[in-house]
């Protein structure tokens, strides 16, 4: 019954780990199981799939009760922090012991990191519970949704009269027209207005409307980390990402804005979010009214679906007679001038011939070898994130997966696997550090076994470089920061093609080879021996 409901909703893939009868039930319904090596990676696969399908589909992860549900927690917490709608199907303890201490109570444990939780207590309730769960996915506050299936209920027979399910229709709403008109008037009156685009733009499939608004009103666009790729970063009005790191153009343009239009951004105070100018007036569009006035006074609140409200706003701006094209040319030139200066300042790093290789040269060669519109990139947390985010210029919507307010090392691998399953024709690449590989790297075998042809770039500096200022005494006395390994060798032992790169001149051929290998349906690991780079772009200049 559950599997047939998922199939009716268009689900084609189930990320999973045994033991759960959902795996065979899904298979019988025509849903492909992808069996991971550890639960947090399986959750990551569902997460990445949900991000790339952006409201048209959702990822699903199924696991056993007890340890399975317990091990999934880090991935679910990460998805919750980024507002990723996906369905979790843990088995639960049988009804006769469901609330018995000290057995793991998933309902109590997961309440803080799910937007909806319900257990199926009777087989005849299955259809109703699934309908409520999918409604929470399609129409509720974005985030993980959980349906627990007690182990004894799971194999009971659903009565004939209750074995029906109809798909849930997605409902969307526009904003109050008067509020939209006030925002349009404020944009027309502002001297230096700015858009900050968040992940909600991508989730609503509103990237086209965002670009249209920016072009018509001549507005520069900064994105949050989660909103990266909401506008192609090759667009002349795209400034870049404002996060714990930021490019010079972002610092310049964001710093003197007098009106910030935050679109699909929660504006949560966190070190990965940017501090907005204290003197700026803020207009905020969100799907969740709880985001309004959370960290700053919102002068112009808008609640609704990002795509629909952006259409409203574009119409209101036309009616207000705002002369956007004249402003757009000046804004684009300001951005281009700041970027030229920024590029010159960082060129020695990006084109450095030093050995061990600086991670910035790795990124430079990757950008030279790939097409951002045909590629999906994600990072892991820590140094790879902070080095890549300001410099990599992503293509169109969902060509970059930026995350997250809960940032467990190792999340990037599952995310890029889910992205590849959702976008099989794209070159899907995750940049991870050696510490992140140590957390989840064995699941590269899952990708190979399941035919999820990804590339994993391991930046191996043999130490926790970002911890240098935090672990001075422990490192001096016990070498506490140092870690090591032959990650290409590990990949080969798991049956995955791998390269170990030591010289800068080997980078571009390696990335070209990676594209050829993944095009044949195989995975590849590129281990790059890098320096312990600690130079970051404007680190913590803008962050909260």
Protein backbone atom coordinates (compact mmCIF):
# COMPACT_ATOMS: atom_id res chain seq x y z
CA UNK A 1 0.00 0.00 0.00
CA UNK A 2 2.81 2.42 0.87
CA UNK A 3 4.77 1.47 -2.23
CA UNK A 4 1.75 1.91 -4.48
CA UNK A 5 1.11 5.34 -2.96
CA UNK A 6 4.71 6.33 -3.68
CA UNK A 7 4.41 5.07 -7.25
CA UNK A 8 1.20 7.08 -7.69
CA UNK A 9 3.18 10.15 -6.59
CA UNK A 10 5.78 9.52 -9.30
CA UNK A 11 8.51 8.11 -7.04
CA UNK A 12 10.98 6.04 -9.08
CA UNK A 13 13.86 5.55 -6.61
CA UNK A 14 14.03 4.42 -2.99
CA UNK A 15 17.23 5.04 -1.07
CA UNK A 16 17.38 2.43 1.67
CA UNK A 17 19.25 0.20 4.08
CA UNK A 18 17.99 -3.16 5.38
CA UNK A 19 16.16 -4.63 7.17
CA UNK A 20 12.78 -3.33 6.06
CA UNK A 21 10.05 -4.96 3.97
CA UNK A 22 9.73 -1.62 2.14
CA UNK A 23 12.66 -2.60 -0.12
CA UNK A 24 10.94 -5.56 -1.77
CA UNK A 25 7.54 -3.87 -1.70
CA UNK A 26 8.97 -0.90 -3.57
CA UNK A 27 10.67 -3.21 -6.06
CA UNK A 28 7.38 -4.97 -6.79
CA UNK A 29 5.79 -1.57 -7.41
CA UNK A 30 8.44 -0.67 -10.00
CA UNK A 31 10.53 1.56 -7.71
CA UNK A 32 14.29 1.09 -7.92
CA UNK A 33 16.07 0.46 -4.58
CA UNK A 34 19.50 2.03 -4.03
CA UNK A 35 21.07 0.29 -1.03
CA UNK A 36 23.66 2.45 0.72
CA UNK A 37 26.38 1.41 3.17
CA UNK A 38 25.28 3.71 6.00
CA UNK A 39 22.04 5.45 6.79
CA UNK A 40 23.25 9.06 6.81
CA UNK A 41 24.47 8.65 3.22
CA UNK A 42 21.13 7.14 2.25
CA UNK A 43 19.38 10.18 3.69
CA UNK A 44 21.84 12.35 1.76
CA UNK A 45 20.88 10.60 -1.48
CA UNK A 46 17.21 11.41 -0.85
CA UNK A 47 18.21 14.98 0.06
CA UNK A 48 20.20 15.57 -3.13
CA UNK A 49 17.42 14.06 -5.24
CA UNK A 50 14.85 16.38 -3.65
CA UNK A 51 17.04 19.45 -4.23
CA UNK A 52 17.55 18.82 -7.92
CA UNK A 53 13.95 17.84 -8.67
CA UNK A 54 12.94 21.11 -6.95
CA UNK A 55 9.29 20.54 -6.07
CA UNK A 56 8.48 18.20 -8.98
CA UNK A 57 9.61 15.14 -7.03
CA UNK A 58 10.95 14.13 -3.65
CA UNK A 59 13.49 11.68 -2.33
CA UNK A 60 12.53 8.77 -0.06
CA UNK A 61 14.67 6.87 2.43
CA UNK A 62 13.65 3.67 4.25
CA UNK A 63 15.49 2.01 7.16
CA UNK A 64 15.06 -0.43 10.02
CA UNK A 65 13.96 0.44 13.55
CA UNK A 66 16.47 1.07 16.32
CA UNK A 67 20.00 1.45 14.91
CA UNK A 68 18.76 2.31 11.41
CA UNK A 69 16.65 5.18 12.63
CA UNK A 70 19.36 6.28 15.03
CA UNK A 71 22.14 6.35 12.41
CA UNK A 72 20.02 8.45 10.05
CA UNK A 73 19.86 11.42 12.41
CA UNK A 74 22.77 13.54 11.05
CA UNK A 75 21.44 13.50 7.50
CA UNK A 76 17.92 14.34 8.62
CA UNK A 77 19.14 17.20 10.79
CA UNK A 78 21.05 18.63 7.81
CA UNK A 79 18.01 18.40 5.58
CA UNK A 80 15.83 20.03 8.21
CA UNK A 81 18.23 22.95 8.59
CA UNK A 82 18.08 23.59 4.83
CA UNK A 83 14.33 23.01 4.48
CA UNK A 84 14.57 20.00 2.16
CA UNK A 85 11.28 18.11 1.66
CA UNK A 86 11.86 14.36 1.64
CA UNK A 87 10.04 11.33 2.98
CA UNK A 88 11.54 9.07 5.65
CA UNK A 89 10.11 5.61 6.24
CA UNK A 90 11.64 4.00 9.33
CA UNK A 91 10.37 0.77 10.71
CA UNK A 92 9.28 1.15 14.30
CA UNK A 93 9.22 -1.17 17.25
CA UNK A 94 6.15 -3.40 17.23
CA UNK A 95 3.07 -1.95 18.91
CA UNK A 96 3.40 -4.04 22.08
CA UNK A 97 6.69 -2.34 22.94
CA UNK A 98 6.56 0.95 20.99
CA UNK A 99 6.74 3.20 24.05
CA UNK A 100 8.90 0.92 26.22
CA UNK A 101 12.06 2.37 27.68
CA UNK A 102 14.93 2.18 26.81
CA UNK A 103 13.94 1.29 23.24
CA UNK A 104 14.58 4.12 20.76
CA UNK A 105 11.51 6.31 20.34
CA UNK A 106 11.81 7.80 16.86
CA UNK A 107 8.79 10.07 17.35
CA UNK A 108 10.38 11.80 20.32
CA UNK A 109 13.86 11.87 18.80
CA UNK A 110 12.88 13.25 15.41
CA UNK A 111 10.22 15.76 16.42
CA UNK A 112 12.75 18.65 16.41
CA UNK A 113 14.08 17.85 12.91
CA UNK A 114 10.94 16.93 10.97
CA UNK A 115 8.05 19.08 9.86
CA UNK A 116 5.53 16.22 10.11
CA UNK A 117 5.62 12.88 11.91
CA UNK A 118 3.01 10.13 12.09
CA UNK A 119 2.99 6.40 12.76
CA UNK A 120 0.71 3.91 11.04
CA UNK A 121 -1.11 2.18 13.91
CA UNK A 122 -3.66 0.20 11.86
CA UNK A 123 -3.23 -1.13 8.30
CA UNK A 124 -6.54 0.42 7.21
CA UNK A 125 -5.13 3.88 8.04
CA UNK A 126 -2.20 3.57 5.63
CA UNK A 127 -3.72 5.54 2.77
CA UNK A 128 -4.81 8.41 5.02
CA UNK A 129 -1.43 8.64 6.76
CA UNK A 130 0.39 8.65 3.41
CA UNK A 131 -1.94 11.34 2.09
CA UNK A 132 -1.22 13.56 5.09
CA UNK A 133 2.50 12.93 4.79
CA UNK A 134 2.69 13.77 1.09
CA UNK A 135 0.53 16.83 1.67
CA UNK A 136 3.11 17.98 4.23
CA UNK A 137 5.81 17.47 1.59
CA UNK A 138 4.01 19.31 -1.20
CA UNK A 139 2.13 21.99 0.72
CA UNK A 140 3.62 22.33 4.17
CA UNK A 141 6.65 24.07 5.58
CA UNK A 142 9.60 22.63 3.61
CA UNK A 143 11.50 19.94 5.47
CA UNK A 144 11.75 16.21 6.15
CA UNK A 145 8.53 14.27 6.72
CA UNK A 146 8.51 10.95 8.57
CA UNK A 147 6.06 8.05 8.55
CA UNK A 148 6.94 5.31 11.02
CA UNK A 149 5.83 1.77 10.21
CA UNK A 150 5.72 -0.46 13.30
CA UNK A 151 7.36 -3.78 12.45
CA UNK A 152 4.26 -5.85 13.18
CA UNK A 153 1.91 -3.50 11.30
CA UNK A 154 4.22 -3.48 8.26
CA UNK A 155 3.28 -7.00 7.17
CA UNK A 156 -0.42 -6.87 8.00
CA UNK A 157 -3.01 -6.94 5.24
CA UNK A 158 -4.75 -3.72 4.26
CA UNK A 159 -8.52 -4.32 3.99
CA UNK A 160 -9.81 -4.15 0.41
CA UNK A 161 -11.98 -1.12 1.02
CA UNK A 162 -9.05 0.87 2.45
CA UNK A 163 -6.51 0.06 -0.27
CA UNK A 164 -7.00 3.26 -2.28
CA UNK A 165 -4.81 6.31 -2.76
CA UNK A 166 -5.04 9.40 -4.95
CA UNK A 167 -2.05 11.73 -5.54
CA UNK A 168 -1.85 14.98 -3.61
CA UNK A 169 -2.12 18.16 -5.67
CA UNK A 170 0.36 20.93 -4.94
CA UNK A 171 -1.33 24.15 -3.84
CA UNK A 172 0.35 27.53 -4.32
CA UNK A 173 -0.63 31.02 -3.27
CA UNK A 174 0.07 34.58 -4.31
CA UNK A 175 0.81 37.46 -1.94
CA UNK A 176 -1.45 40.33 -0.90
CA UNK A 177 -1.61 42.62 -4.00
CA UNK A 178 -1.36 45.82 -1.95
CA UNK A 179 1.80 44.55 -0.27
CA UNK A 180 3.28 43.69 -3.65
CA UNK A 181 2.56 47.20 -4.92
CA UNK A 182 4.28 48.69 -1.88
CA UNK A 183 7.39 46.59 -2.53
CA UNK A 184 7.44 47.67 -6.18
CA UNK A 185 7.18 51.32 -5.13
CA UNK A 186 10.01 50.86 -2.63
CA UNK A 187 12.20 49.30 -5.32
CA UNK A 188 11.50 52.26 -7.59
CA UNK A 189 12.37 54.78 -4.89
CA UNK A 190 15.54 53.08 -3.63
CA UNK A 191 18.91 54.35 -4.81
CA UNK A 192 20.83 51.09 -4.38
CA UNK A 193 18.33 48.20 -4.19
CA UNK A 194 19.62 44.63 -4.06
CA UNK A 195 18.14 41.13 -4.33
CA UNK A 196 19.24 38.40 -1.94
CA UNK A 197 18.01 35.08 -3.39
CA UNK A 198 17.72 32.01 -1.17
CA UNK A 199 17.02 28.33 -1.66
CA UNK A 200 13.29 29.03 -1.72
CA UNK A 201 13.71 30.44 -5.24
CA UNK A 202 15.13 27.11 -6.42
CA UNK A 203 12.54 25.08 -4.49
CA UNK A 204 9.71 26.99 -6.16
CA UNK A 205 11.20 26.66 -9.64
CA UNK A 206 11.32 30.45 -9.72
CA UNK A 207 14.81 31.01 -11.16
CA UNK A 208 13.42 32.30 -14.47
CA UNK A 209 11.20 34.79 -12.67
CA UNK A 210 14.14 35.93 -10.54
CA UNK A 211 16.26 36.65 -13.60
CA UNK A 212 13.36 38.41 -15.29
CA UNK A 213 12.81 40.69 -12.29
CA UNK A 214 16.52 41.48 -11.99
CA UNK A 215 16.78 42.38 -15.67
CA UNK A 216 13.60 44.44 -15.81
CA UNK A 217 14.48 46.45 -12.70
CA UNK A 218 18.27 46.50 -13.08
CA UNK A 219 18.87 44.83 -9.71
CA UNK A 220 22.11 43.13 -8.65
CA UNK A 221 21.58 39.60 -7.31
CA UNK A 222 23.44 38.15 -4.35
CA UNK A 223 22.54 34.62 -3.25
CA UNK A 224 22.70 32.79 0.02
CA UNK A 225 24.77 29.62 0.17
CA UNK A 226 21.63 27.52 -0.34
CA UNK A 227 20.50 29.80 -3.16
CA UNK A 228 23.70 29.50 -5.23
CA UNK A 229 22.70 28.84 -8.89
CA UNK A 230 19.28 30.54 -8.46
CA UNK A 231 20.80 32.86 -11.09
CA UNK A 232 23.60 31.69 -13.37
CA UNK A 233 26.74 33.25 -11.94
CA UNK A 234 27.88 34.11 -15.45
CA UNK A 235 24.95 36.55 -15.70
CA UNK A 236 26.08 40.21 -15.67
CA UNK A 237 23.75 41.02 -12.75
CA UNK A 238 24.94 38.08 -10.63
CA UNK A 239 27.27 39.22 -7.86
CA UNK A 240 27.94 35.94 -6.03
CA UNK A 241 27.32 34.25 -2.69
CA UNK A 242 27.18 36.09 0.63
CA UNK A 243 28.18 33.64 3.34
CA UNK A 244 31.02 33.01 5.77
CA UNK A 245 33.22 33.72 2.74
CA UNK A 246 32.47 36.16 -0.07
CA UNK A 247 34.04 37.73 -3.12
CA UNK A 248 35.04 41.39 -3.20
CA UNK A 249 32.10 42.24 -5.51
CA UNK A 250 29.65 40.80 -2.94
CA UNK A 251 31.21 42.78 -0.10
CA UNK A 252 31.12 45.93 -2.25
CA UNK A 253 27.54 45.65 -3.52
CA UNK A 254 25.97 44.32 -0.32
CA UNK A 255 27.74 46.84 1.87
CA UNK A 256 25.97 49.97 0.62
CA UNK A 257 22.52 48.62 -0.30
CA UNK A 258 19.67 50.79 0.96
CA UNK A 259 16.92 48.26 0.19
CA UNK A 260 17.33 44.47 0.34
CA UNK A 261 14.70 42.30 -1.34
CA UNK A 262 15.15 38.84 0.23
CA UNK A 263 13.49 36.20 -1.94
CA UNK A 264 13.00 32.66 -0.62
CA UNK A 265 15.50 33.33 2.17
CA UNK A 266 14.72 32.72 5.83
CA UNK A 267 17.33 35.28 6.98
CA UNK A 268 18.18 32.98 9.88
CA UNK A 269 21.08 34.27 11.97
CA UNK A 270 23.94 31.80 11.49
CA UNK A 271 27.62 32.04 10.70
CA UNK A 272 26.93 30.82 7.13
CA UNK A 273 24.45 33.65 6.48
CA UNK A 274 25.40 37.23 5.71
CA UNK A 275 24.79 40.22 7.93
CA UNK A 276 22.65 42.71 6.00
CA UNK A 277 23.47 46.44 6.16
CA UNK A 278 22.08 47.93 9.36
CA UNK A 279 20.73 50.97 7.52
CA UNK A 280 18.98 49.01 4.77
CA UNK A 281 15.23 48.57 4.64
CA UNK A 282 14.24 44.92 4.11
CA UNK A 283 11.50 43.37 2.02
CA UNK A 284 11.16 39.62 2.50
CA UNK A 285 9.30 36.99 0.49
CA UNK A 286 8.89 33.65 2.24
CA UNK A 287 6.61 30.64 2.14
CA UNK A 288 6.74 30.36 5.93
CA UNK A 289 5.44 33.40 7.83
CA UNK A 290 7.54 32.38 10.84
CA UNK A 291 10.59 33.67 8.95
CA UNK A 292 9.28 37.23 9.02
CA UNK A 293 10.80 39.57 11.63
CA UNK A 294 12.89 36.68 12.95
CA UNK A 295 16.23 38.48 13.08
CA UNK A 296 15.45 41.92 11.64
CA UNK A 297 12.45 44.18 11.29
CA UNK A 298 10.82 43.48 7.92
CA UNK A 299 9.43 46.67 6.42
CA UNK A 300 7.71 44.89 3.54
CA UNK A 301 6.59 41.31 4.28
CA UNK A 302 5.33 39.01 1.51
CA UNK A 303 4.08 35.46 2.03
CA UNK A 304 3.50 33.14 -0.90
CA UNK A 305 4.96 30.93 -3.59
CA UNK A 306 8.15 32.51 -4.95
CA UNK A 307 7.33 31.93 -8.62
CA UNK A 308 3.79 33.36 -8.37
CA UNK A 309 4.78 36.33 -6.20
CA UNK A 310 7.70 37.23 -8.46
CA UNK A 311 5.27 37.37 -11.39
CA UNK A 312 3.08 39.68 -9.33
CA UNK A 313 6.05 41.84 -8.50
CA UNK A 314 7.16 42.09 -12.12
CA UNK A 315 3.69 43.23 -13.16
CA UNK A 316 3.54 45.76 -10.34
CA UNK A 317 6.97 47.13 -11.28
CA UNK A 318 5.87 47.59 -14.90
CA UNK A 319 2.75 49.40 -13.74
CA UNK A 320 4.94 51.66 -11.57
CA UNK A 321 6.99 52.62 -14.62
CA UNK A 322 10.39 51.74 -13.13
CA UNK A 323 13.17 52.36 -15.69
CA UNK A 324 15.19 49.23 -15.05
CA UNK A 325 17.28 48.88 -18.23
CA UNK A 326 19.14 52.16 -17.62
CA UNK A 327 19.97 51.07 -14.08
CA UNK A 328 20.92 47.56 -15.24
CA UNK A 329 23.77 48.79 -17.44
CA UNK A 330 25.33 50.79 -14.60
CA UNK A 331 24.90 47.93 -12.13
CA UNK A 332 26.42 45.39 -14.51
CA UNK A 333 29.43 47.64 -15.09
CA UNK A 334 29.94 48.09 -11.35
CA UNK A 335 29.88 44.32 -10.84
CA UNK A 336 32.20 43.68 -13.78
CA UNK A 337 34.71 46.29 -12.59
CA UNK A 338 34.76 44.84 -9.07
CA UNK A 339 35.14 41.32 -10.47
CA UNK A 340 38.08 42.29 -12.69
CA UNK A 341 39.87 43.72 -9.68
CA UNK A 342 39.00 40.65 -7.62
CA UNK A 343 40.24 38.29 -10.33
CA UNK A 344 43.57 40.13 -10.54
CA UNK A 345 44.01 39.94 -6.78
CA UNK A 346 43.44 36.18 -6.64
CA UNK A 347 45.06 35.20 -9.95
CA UNK A 348 48.38 34.22 -8.28
CA UNK A 349 46.51 31.68 -6.14
CA UNK A 350 44.23 30.42 -8.89
CA UNK A 351 47.10 29.88 -11.34
CA UNK A 352 49.77 28.92 -8.84
CA UNK A 353 52.31 26.26 -9.85
CA UNK A 354 53.19 25.46 -6.25
CA UNK A 355 53.54 21.86 -5.08
CA UNK A 356 51.72 20.60 -3.08
CA UNK A 357 48.92 22.07 -5.17
CA UNK A 358 46.82 24.88 -3.76
CA UNK A 359 43.08 24.04 -3.78
CA UNK A 360 42.50 27.26 -5.71
CA UNK A 361 44.48 25.90 -8.67
CA UNK A 362 42.35 22.75 -8.50
CA UNK A 363 39.23 24.86 -8.86
CA UNK A 364 40.73 27.00 -11.65
CA UNK A 365 41.52 23.92 -13.73
CA UNK A 366 38.12 22.38 -13.00
CA UNK A 367 36.35 25.50 -14.27
CA UNK A 368 38.50 25.48 -17.41
CA UNK A 369 37.63 21.84 -18.12
CA UNK A 370 33.86 21.84 -17.50
CA UNK A 371 30.63 23.47 -18.67
CA UNK A 372 28.78 24.87 -15.62
CA UNK A 373 25.38 24.38 -17.27
CA UNK A 374 26.08 20.68 -17.87
CA UNK A 375 27.56 20.08 -14.42
CA UNK A 376 26.23 19.70 -10.88
CA UNK A 377 28.73 20.58 -8.17
CA UNK A 378 28.58 20.33 -4.43
CA UNK A 379 31.13 20.77 -1.67
CA UNK A 380 31.70 19.31 1.71
CA UNK A 381 31.84 21.48 4.80
CA UNK A 382 34.91 23.27 6.09
CA UNK A 383 37.80 24.21 3.82
CA UNK A 384 36.40 22.80 0.52
CA UNK A 385 33.24 24.86 0.97
CA UNK A 386 35.05 28.05 1.89
CA UNK A 387 37.53 27.75 -0.95
CA UNK A 388 35.08 26.85 -3.69
CA UNK A 389 31.97 28.93 -2.99
CA UNK A 390 33.31 32.43 -3.79
CA UNK A 391 35.14 31.40 -6.96
CA UNK A 392 33.14 28.70 -8.73
CA UNK A 393 30.66 30.32 -11.12
CA UNK A 394 27.69 27.99 -11.32
CA UNK A 395 25.34 27.62 -14.24
CA UNK A 396 21.55 27.60 -14.17
CA UNK A 397 19.16 26.33 -11.50
CA UNK A 398 20.32 23.45 -9.31
CA UNK A 399 23.74 23.16 -10.95
CA UNK A 400 25.21 23.77 -7.49
CA UNK A 401 24.03 22.30 -4.20
CA UNK A 402 24.98 24.68 -1.42
CA UNK A 403 24.41 23.65 2.19
CA UNK A 404 23.91 23.99 5.17
CA UNK A 405 23.23 25.35 8.61
CA UNK A 406 23.82 21.89 10.05
CA UNK A 407 27.01 20.91 8.30
CA UNK A 408 28.18 17.42 9.18
CA UNK A 409 31.36 16.35 7.42
CA UNK A 410 30.71 13.73 4.74
CA UNK A 411 27.30 14.97 3.58
CA UNK A 412 28.55 15.91 0.09
CA UNK A 413 28.86 12.32 -1.16
CA UNK A 414 25.22 11.37 -0.61
CA UNK A 415 24.02 14.71 -1.96
CA UNK A 416 25.87 14.32 -5.26
CA UNK A 417 24.63 10.74 -5.65
CA UNK A 418 21.05 11.96 -5.27
CA UNK A 419 21.76 14.76 -7.75
CA UNK A 420 23.04 12.27 -10.31
CA UNK A 421 19.94 10.10 -9.91
CA UNK A 422 17.78 13.18 -10.51
CA UNK A 423 19.93 14.57 -13.36
CA UNK A 424 21.56 11.53 -15.04
CA UNK A 425 22.74 13.51 -18.08
CA UNK A 426 24.87 15.93 -16.04
CA UNK A 427 28.46 15.60 -14.88
CA UNK A 428 28.03 15.39 -11.09
CA UNK A 429 31.00 16.22 -8.89
CA UNK A 430 31.57 16.57 -5.14
CA UNK A 431 34.64 18.27 -3.70
CA UNK A 432 35.48 16.79 -0.31
CA UNK A 433 38.34 17.00 2.13
CA UNK A 434 40.25 14.06 3.51
CA UNK A 435 38.39 14.32 6.82
CA UNK A 436 35.03 14.16 5.01
CA UNK A 437 36.15 11.13 3.00
CA UNK A 438 36.98 9.46 6.28
CA UNK A 439 33.39 9.93 7.43
CA UNK A 440 31.49 8.52 4.44
CA UNK A 441 33.96 7.70 1.66
CA UNK A 442 33.24 3.97 1.52
CA UNK A 443 29.87 4.77 0.00
CA UNK A 444 31.65 5.53 -3.27
CA UNK A 445 31.24 1.77 -3.69
CA UNK A 446 27.47 2.28 -3.40
CA UNK A 447 27.59 4.73 -6.29
CA UNK A 448 29.67 2.31 -8.39
CA UNK A 449 27.48 -0.69 -7.56
CA UNK A 450 24.27 1.20 -8.27
CA UNK A 451 25.56 2.74 -11.52
CA UNK A 452 25.35 6.28 -10.11
CA UNK A 453 28.26 7.65 -12.11
CA UNK A 454 29.74 10.48 -10.07
CA UNK A 455 33.16 12.04 -9.67
CA UNK A 456 34.57 12.57 -6.20
CA UNK A 457 37.45 15.05 -5.88
CA UNK A 458 39.32 14.47 -2.62
CA UNK A 459 41.48 17.40 -1.54
CA UNK A 460 44.10 15.64 0.55
CA UNK A 461 46.29 17.93 2.63
CA UNK A 462 46.87 15.28 5.33
CA UNK A 463 45.74 17.62 8.08
CA UNK A 464 42.74 19.54 9.38
CA UNK A 465 43.97 22.86 8.04
CA UNK A 466 40.93 24.87 9.09
CA UNK A 467 41.63 23.83 12.70
CA UNK A 468 45.17 25.25 12.75
CA UNK A 469 44.25 28.24 14.97
CA UNK A 470 42.06 26.08 17.24
CA UNK A 471 44.36 23.14 18.00
CA UNK A 472 47.75 24.71 18.60
CA UNK A 473 48.85 22.97 21.79
CA UNK A 474 47.27 19.59 21.06
CA UNK A 475 48.95 19.53 17.66
CA UNK A 476 52.32 20.62 18.98
CA UNK A 477 52.33 17.93 21.64
CA UNK A 478 50.38 15.11 19.95
CA UNK A 479 50.12 15.95 16.20
CA UNK A 480 46.36 15.99 16.83
CA UNK A 481 45.40 17.67 13.55
CA UNK A 482 47.17 15.27 11.23
CA UNK A 483 45.24 12.60 9.34
CA UNK A 484 46.32 10.61 6.33
CA UNK A 485 45.57 7.95 3.80
CA UNK A 486 45.75 6.81 0.21
CA UNK A 487 42.20 7.62 -0.84
CA UNK A 488 42.74 6.75 -4.49
CA UNK A 489 44.02 3.38 -3.29
CA UNK A 490 40.92 2.87 -1.16
CA UNK A 491 38.73 3.66 -4.17
CA UNK A 492 40.57 1.17 -6.36
CA UNK A 493 40.20 -1.50 -3.68
CA UNK A 494 36.44 -0.88 -3.86
CA UNK A 495 36.43 -1.35 -7.64
CA UNK A 496 36.30 2.36 -8.50
CA UNK A 497 38.60 4.00 -11.03
CA UNK A 498 40.94 6.48 -9.35
CA UNK A 499 43.72 8.96 -10.01
CA UNK A 500 46.26 10.50 -7.66
CA UNK A 501 47.33 13.97 -8.78
CA UNK A 502 50.49 15.62 -7.47
CA UNK A 503 51.38 18.19 -10.16
CA UNK A 504 49.25 21.16 -11.33
CA UNK A 505 49.68 20.16 -14.96
CA UNK A 506 47.92 16.87 -14.29
CA UNK A 507 44.70 18.50 -13.13
CA UNK A 508 42.96 19.44 -16.35
CA UNK A 509 43.58 16.06 -18.03
CA UNK A 510 42.26 14.39 -14.88
CA UNK A 511 38.99 16.37 -15.03
CA UNK A 512 38.63 15.63 -18.73
CA UNK A 513 39.17 11.93 -18.02
CA UNK A 514 36.58 12.08 -15.22
CA UNK A 515 33.96 13.33 -17.66
CA UNK A 516 34.77 10.50 -20.05
CA UNK A 517 34.65 7.87 -17.31
CA UNK A 518 31.33 9.01 -15.83
CA UNK A 519 29.82 9.19 -19.32
CA UNK A 520 30.32 5.42 -19.53
CA UNK A 521 28.38 4.86 -16.31
CA UNK A 522 31.36 4.41 -13.99
CA UNK A 523 32.54 6.40 -10.98
CA UNK A 524 35.92 7.99 -10.49
CA UNK A 525 37.85 9.36 -7.52
CA UNK A 526 40.44 12.08 -8.14
CA UNK A 527 42.69 12.46 -5.12
CA UNK A 528 44.69 15.68 -5.26
CA UNK A 529 47.64 16.18 -2.92
CA UNK A 530 47.13 19.77 -1.81
CA UNK A 531 48.72 22.31 0.47
CA UNK A 532 47.23 23.14 3.86
CA UNK A 533 45.71 26.33 2.45
CA UNK A 534 44.39 28.75 5.06
CA UNK A 535 43.82 31.84 2.92
CA UNK A 536 40.08 32.44 2.46
CA UNK A 537 38.16 35.17 0.65
CA UNK A 538 36.78 37.74 3.10
CA UNK A 539 36.18 35.04 5.71
CA UNK A 540 33.68 36.21 8.35
CA UNK A 541 33.64 39.75 6.92
CA UNK A 542 29.90 39.49 6.26
CA UNK A 543 28.79 36.54 8.38
CA UNK A 544 26.50 36.80 11.40
